[in-house]
Every structure is written in structure tokens, then in C-alpha cells.
C-alpha atoms as a PDB file:
ATOM      1  CA  MET A   1     -19.130  19.483 -30.668  1.00  0.00           C
ATOM      2  CA  SER A   2     -18.609  21.648 -27.610  1.00  0.00           C
ATOM      3  CA  GLU A   3     -19.050  25.393 -27.580  1.00  0.00           C
ATOM      4  CA  SER A   4     -18.025  28.253 -25.311  1.00  0.00           C
ATOM      5  CA  THR A   5     -18.411  32.045 -25.312  1.00  0.00           C
ATOM      6  CA  VAL A   6     -15.564  34.534 -24.986  1.00  0.00           C
ATOM      7  CA  THR A   7     -16.075  37.067 -22.176  1.00  0.00           C
ATOM      8  CA  SER A   8     -15.213  40.759 -22.419  1.00  0.00           C
ATOM      9  CA  LYS A   9     -11.917  39.891 -20.656  1.00  0.00           C
ATOM     10  CA  GLY A  10     -11.065  37.339 -23.359  1.00  0.00           C
ATOM     11  CA  GLN A  11     -11.764  34.355 -21.104  1.00  0.00           C
ATOM     12  CA  ILE A  12     -13.655  31.170 -21.892  1.00  0.00           C
ATOM     13  CA  THR A  13     -14.927  28.267 -19.828  1.00  0.00           C
ATOM     14  CA  ILE A  14     -13.673  24.973 -21.196  1.00  0.00           C
ATOM     15  CA  PRO A  15     -16.696  22.674 -21.474  1.00  0.00           C
ATOM     16  CA  VAL A  16     -16.802  19.802 -19.001  1.00  0.00           C
ATOM     17  CA  ASP A  17     -16.594  17.081 -21.679  1.00  0.00           C
ATOM     18  CA  ILE A  18     -13.360  18.623 -22.988  1.00  0.00           C
ATOM     19  CA  ARG A  19     -11.919  18.981 -19.470  1.00  0.00           C
ATOM     20  CA  VAL A  20     -12.695  15.329 -18.775  1.00  0.00           C
ATOM     21  CA  SER A  21     -11.222  14.093 -22.065  1.00  0.00           C
ATOM     22  CA  LEU A  22      -8.002  16.065 -21.413  1.00  0.00           C
ATOM     23  CA  SER A  23      -7.924  15.201 -17.689  1.00  0.00           C
ATOM     24  CA  LEU A  24      -7.762  18.936 -16.935  1.00  0.00           C
ATOM     25  CA  HIS A  25      -8.062  20.155 -13.364  1.00  0.00           C
ATOM     26  CA  ALA A  26      -8.166  23.619 -11.821  1.00  0.00           C
ATOM     27  CA  GLY A  27      -4.815  25.409 -12.034  1.00  0.00           C
ATOM     28  CA  GLU A  28      -3.410  23.301 -14.874  1.00  0.00           C
ATOM     29  CA  ARG A  29      -2.121  24.976 -18.007  1.00  0.00           C
ATOM     30  CA  VAL A  30      -3.176  24.577 -21.623  1.00  0.00           C
ATOM     31  CA  VAL A  31      -1.189  25.361 -24.759  1.00  0.00           C
ATOM     32  CA  PHE A  32      -2.663  26.801 -27.981  1.00  0.00           C
ATOM     33  CA  ASN A  33      -1.054  26.331 -31.397  1.00  0.00           C
ATOM     34  CA  THR A  34      -2.351  28.039 -34.544  1.00  0.00           C
ATOM     35  CA  LEU A  35      -1.847  26.210 -37.836  1.00  0.00           C
ATOM     36  CA  GLU A  36      -1.397  27.959 -41.178  1.00  0.00           C
ATOM     37  CA  ASP A  37      -5.004  27.226 -42.181  1.00  0.00           C
ATOM     38  CA  GLY A  38      -6.337  28.983 -39.067  1.00  0.00           C
ATOM     39  CA  THR A  39      -7.039  25.801 -37.116  1.00  0.00           C
ATOM     40  CA  VAL A  40      -6.218  26.162 -33.419  1.00  0.00           C
ATOM     41  CA  ILE A  41      -5.048  23.151 -31.444  1.00  0.00           C
ATOM     42  CA  MET A  42      -5.445  23.234 -27.665  1.00  0.00           C
ATOM     43  CA  ARG A  43      -3.653  20.656 -25.567  1.00  0.00           C
ATOM     44  CA  ALA A  44      -3.296  20.103 -21.862  1.00  0.00           C
ATOM     45  CA  LYS A  45       0.107  20.733 -20.371  1.00  0.00           C
ATOM     46  CA  ASN A  46      -0.449  18.292 -17.527  1.00  0.00           C
ATOM     47  CA  ARG A  47       1.868  15.442 -18.442  1.00  0.00           C
ATOM     48  CA  SER A  48       5.371  14.942 -17.178  1.00  0.00           C
ATOM     49  CA  ILE A  49       8.283  13.835 -19.321  1.00  0.00           C
ATOM     50  CA  LEU A  50       8.413  10.867 -16.942  1.00  0.00           C
ATOM     51  CA  ASP A  51       5.069   9.688 -18.409  1.00  0.00           C
ATOM     52  CA  LEU A  52       7.012   8.758 -21.565  1.00  0.00           C
ATOM     53  CA  GLU A  53       9.192   6.229 -19.742  1.00  0.00           C
ATOM     54  CA  GLY A  54       9.120   2.899 -21.562  1.00  0.00           C
ATOM     55  CA  SER A  55       7.280   4.243 -24.605  1.00  0.00           C
ATOM     56  CA  LEU A  56      10.226   3.595 -26.932  1.00  0.00           C
ATOM     57  CA  SER A  57      11.559   0.164 -27.702  1.00  0.00           C
ATOM     58  CA  ASP A  58      15.174  -0.589 -26.926  1.00  0.00           C
ATOM     59  CA  SER A  59      16.790  -0.214 -30.362  1.00  0.00           C
ATOM     60  CA  ASN A  60      20.208  -1.044 -28.917  1.00  0.00           C
ATOM     61  CA  PRO A  61      19.618  -4.110 -26.711  1.00  0.00           C
ATOM     62  CA  THR A  62      23.324  -4.990 -26.507  1.00  0.00           C
ATOM     63  CA  ASN A  63      24.167  -1.466 -25.253  1.00  0.00           C
ATOM     64  CA  THR A  64      26.927  -1.089 -27.827  1.00  0.00           C
ATOM     65  CA  LYS A  65      28.422   2.368 -28.100  1.00  0.00           C
ATOM     66  CA  VAL A  66      27.811   4.485 -31.185  1.00  0.00           C
ATOM     67  CA  SER A  67      30.589   6.726 -32.477  1.00  0.00           C
ATOM     68  CA  ILE A  68      30.089  10.437 -33.160  1.00  0.00           C
ATOM     69  CA  GLU A  69      30.822   9.721 -36.835  1.00  0.00           C
ATOM     70  CA  ASP A  70      27.980   7.187 -36.980  1.00  0.00           C
ATOM     71  CA  MET A  71      25.630   9.752 -35.405  1.00  0.00           C
ATOM     72  CA  SER A  72      26.529  12.267 -38.107  1.00  0.00           C
ATOM     73  CA  ILE A  73      25.085  10.300 -41.020  1.00  0.00           C
ATOM     74  CA  GLY A  74      24.134  12.629 -43.852  1.00  0.00           C
ATOM     75  CA  GLN A  75      26.320  15.502 -42.713  1.00  0.00           C
ATOM     76  CA  GLU A  76      29.442  16.589 -44.513  1.00  0.00           C
ATOM     77  CA  LYS A  77      32.607  15.430 -42.842  1.00  0.00           C
END
């Protein structure tokens, strides 16, 4: 477990092991999310949407078109 101290300005130093595991570098941003139980999740905001390329399988290999009606499954018509 890593630990850090909050300064009087509300700043902390992110421990080196955490910076390495998140591939964080100087000037990069982090995002904090608070869950209902008080848990705080910190994640690095250093990935591009382009990093997701190829992560999904091609669910439509024949490239057939899908109608708007077929996309609206479960909605009242």
C-alpha cells in the first residue's frame, strides 16, 4: 500500500510505484471519482481513444446495414 500526505495547499505527491503502474508523467492529468461508499478511484487520463482501436470484435463481418427500427429494440414504436 502506498501513502502520501496532503499539504496545506491540498496537494499530494503520487508515490513512484503508483506513477509507474499508471504510466504517469509530469504534466499528465488524473481523474478522481468518489463512489457512494466513500471509496475514491483515481485513474490516469493519459490514453487516447485511438488506443481502443481493434479492441472490439467485428460483430458484423458482412458489413450489412442495420435499420433504425432494428436499432430501436425495446423502445415503443
